[in-house]
Amino acid sequence: MKLVAKVDIQALPAPIHEAFFDYIQTFWEHGELDPQIKELIRMRSAILADCKQ
């Protein structure tokens, strides 16, 4: 069984939003994130960065 959750992290309160990114960054730095997930995060970050400019 595969569970998928879709959460609008922008709608989360700031402390939860920051904790989520700290959590992802920890996995990223220690190489425990699946390469596909890393690529999705990288793409999403690029899209968001372009939208904010």
N, C-alpha and C. Protein backbone atom coordinates (compact mmCIF):
# COMPACT_ATOMS: atom_id res chain seq x y z
N MET A 1 0.84 -1.17 0.00
CA MET A 1 0.00 0.00 0.00
C MET A 1 0.89 1.24 0.00
N LYS A 2 0.55 2.19 -0.83
CA LYS A 2 1.32 3.43 -0.93
C LYS A 2 0.44 4.58 -0.46
N LEU A 3 0.93 5.30 0.54
CA LEU A 3 0.19 6.45 1.05
C LEU A 3 0.81 7.72 0.50
N VAL A 4 -0.03 8.61 0.06
CA VAL A 4 0.45 9.87 -0.50
C VAL A 4 -0.32 10.99 0.19
N ALA A 5 0.42 11.96 0.66
CA ALA A 5 -0.21 13.13 1.29
C ALA A 5 0.18 14.36 0.50
N LYS A 6 -0.80 15.18 0.23
CA LYS A 6 -0.53 16.44 -0.46
C LYS A 6 -0.87 17.56 0.51
N VAL A 7 0.14 18.32 0.87
CA VAL A 7 -0.03 19.38 1.86
C VAL A 7 0.48 20.68 1.27
N ASP A 8 -0.31 21.72 1.40
CA ASP A 8 0.14 23.05 0.99
C ASP A 8 0.97 23.62 2.13
N ILE A 9 2.29 23.46 2.02
CA ILE A 9 3.15 23.87 3.12
C ILE A 9 3.15 25.37 3.33
N GLN A 10 2.78 26.13 2.32
CA GLN A 10 2.72 27.59 2.48
C GLN A 10 1.61 27.98 3.45
N ALA A 11 0.59 27.11 3.59
CA ALA A 11 -0.54 27.41 4.46
C ALA A 11 -0.27 27.04 5.92
N LEU A 12 0.84 26.36 6.17
CA LEU A 12 1.16 25.95 7.54
C LEU A 12 1.64 27.14 8.35
N PRO A 13 1.39 27.11 9.67
CA PRO A 13 1.95 28.17 10.53
C PRO A 13 3.48 28.20 10.39
N ALA A 14 4.08 29.36 10.54
CA ALA A 14 5.52 29.54 10.31
C ALA A 14 6.40 28.53 11.05
N PRO A 15 6.17 28.25 12.36
CA PRO A 15 7.06 27.29 13.03
C PRO A 15 6.99 25.89 12.42
N ILE A 16 5.82 25.47 12.00
CA ILE A 16 5.67 24.15 11.38
C ILE A 16 6.32 24.16 10.01
N HIS A 17 6.13 25.24 9.26
CA HIS A 17 6.73 25.39 7.93
C HIS A 17 8.25 25.30 8.04
N GLU A 18 8.84 26.01 9.01
CA GLU A 18 10.29 25.99 9.20
C GLU A 18 10.78 24.62 9.63
N ALA A 19 10.03 23.97 10.52
CA ALA A 19 10.42 22.63 11.00
C ALA A 19 10.39 21.63 9.85
N PHE A 20 9.41 21.76 8.95
CA PHE A 20 9.32 20.86 7.80
C PHE A 20 10.57 21.00 6.93
N PHE A 21 10.98 22.23 6.66
CA PHE A 21 12.15 22.44 5.82
C PHE A 21 13.43 21.99 6.51
N ASP A 22 13.50 22.17 7.84
CA ASP A 22 14.66 21.66 8.58
C ASP A 22 14.73 20.14 8.48
N TYR A 23 13.57 19.50 8.56
CA TYR A 23 13.48 18.04 8.44
C TYR A 23 13.98 17.57 7.07
N ILE A 24 13.48 18.20 6.02
CA ILE A 24 13.89 17.84 4.66
C ILE A 24 15.38 18.12 4.46
N GLN A 25 15.88 19.25 4.96
CA GLN A 25 17.29 19.60 4.80
C GLN A 25 18.19 18.56 5.48
N THR A 26 17.78 18.07 6.64
CA THR A 26 18.57 17.06 7.34
C THR A 26 18.70 15.80 6.50
N PHE A 27 17.58 15.34 5.95
CA PHE A 27 17.63 14.16 5.10
C PHE A 27 18.47 14.41 3.86
N TRP A 28 18.31 15.61 3.28
CA TRP A 28 19.05 15.97 2.06
C TRP A 28 20.55 15.91 2.31
N GLU A 29 20.99 16.53 3.40
CA GLU A 29 22.42 16.61 3.69
C GLU A 29 23.04 15.26 4.02
N HIS A 30 22.25 14.36 4.57
CA HIS A 30 22.79 13.06 4.96
C HIS A 30 22.55 12.00 3.90
N GLY A 31 22.05 12.42 2.74
CA GLY A 31 21.91 11.51 1.61
C GLY A 31 20.84 10.45 1.77
N GLU A 32 19.86 10.69 2.62
CA GLU A 32 18.84 9.68 2.86
C GLU A 32 17.56 9.92 2.06
N LEU A 33 17.54 10.99 1.28
CA LEU A 33 16.36 11.23 0.45
C LEU A 33 16.52 10.49 -0.87
N ASP A 34 15.44 9.93 -1.33
CA ASP A 34 15.41 9.27 -2.63
C ASP A 34 15.81 10.30 -3.70
N PRO A 35 16.65 9.92 -4.66
CA PRO A 35 17.07 10.88 -5.71
C PRO A 35 15.89 11.52 -6.45
N GLN A 36 14.80 10.77 -6.64
CA GLN A 36 13.64 11.34 -7.33
C GLN A 36 13.00 12.43 -6.48
N ILE A 37 12.94 12.21 -5.17
CA ILE A 37 12.38 13.22 -4.28
C ILE A 37 13.26 14.46 -4.28
N LYS A 38 14.58 14.26 -4.25
CA LYS A 38 15.50 15.40 -4.32
C LYS A 38 15.25 16.22 -5.58
N GLU A 39 15.07 15.53 -6.70
CA GLU A 39 14.85 16.23 -7.96
C GLU A 39 13.52 16.99 -7.94
N LEU A 40 12.48 16.40 -7.37
CA LEU A 40 11.19 17.09 -7.27
C LEU A 40 11.31 18.34 -6.40
N ILE A 41 12.04 18.23 -5.29
CA ILE A 41 12.24 19.39 -4.42
C ILE A 41 13.03 20.46 -5.15
N ARG A 42 14.07 20.05 -5.86
CA ARG A 42 14.90 21.00 -6.62
C ARG A 42 14.04 21.72 -7.68
N MET A 43 13.20 20.97 -8.39
CA MET A 43 12.35 21.57 -9.42
C MET A 43 11.34 22.53 -8.80
N ARG A 44 10.73 22.11 -7.70
CA ARG A 44 9.74 22.96 -7.02
C ARG A 44 10.40 24.25 -6.53
N SER A 45 11.59 24.13 -5.97
CA SER A 45 12.31 25.31 -5.50
C SER A 45 12.63 26.26 -6.65
N ALA A 46 13.03 25.70 -7.78
CA ALA A 46 13.33 26.53 -8.96
C ALA A 46 12.08 27.24 -9.45
N ILE A 47 10.97 26.54 -9.46
CA ILE A 47 9.70 27.14 -9.90
C ILE A 47 9.31 28.27 -8.95
N LEU A 48 9.40 28.02 -7.64
CA LEU A 48 9.04 29.05 -6.66
C LEU A 48 9.98 30.25 -6.74
N ALA A 49 11.26 30.00 -6.94
CA ALA A 49 12.23 31.10 -7.04
C ALA A 49 11.92 31.97 -8.25
N ASP A 50 11.55 31.35 -9.36
CA ASP A 50 11.22 32.08 -10.57
C ASP A 50 9.96 32.90 -10.38
N CYS A 51 8.99 32.36 -9.66
CA CYS A 51 7.72 33.07 -9.44
C CYS A 51 7.90 34.28 -8.54
N LYS A 52 8.88 34.24 -7.64
CA LYS A 52 9.07 35.33 -6.69
C LYS A 52 9.90 36.46 -7.26
N GLN A 53 10.50 36.28 -8.43
CA GLN A 53 11.35 37.32 -9.01
C GLN A 53 10.53 38.31 -9.80
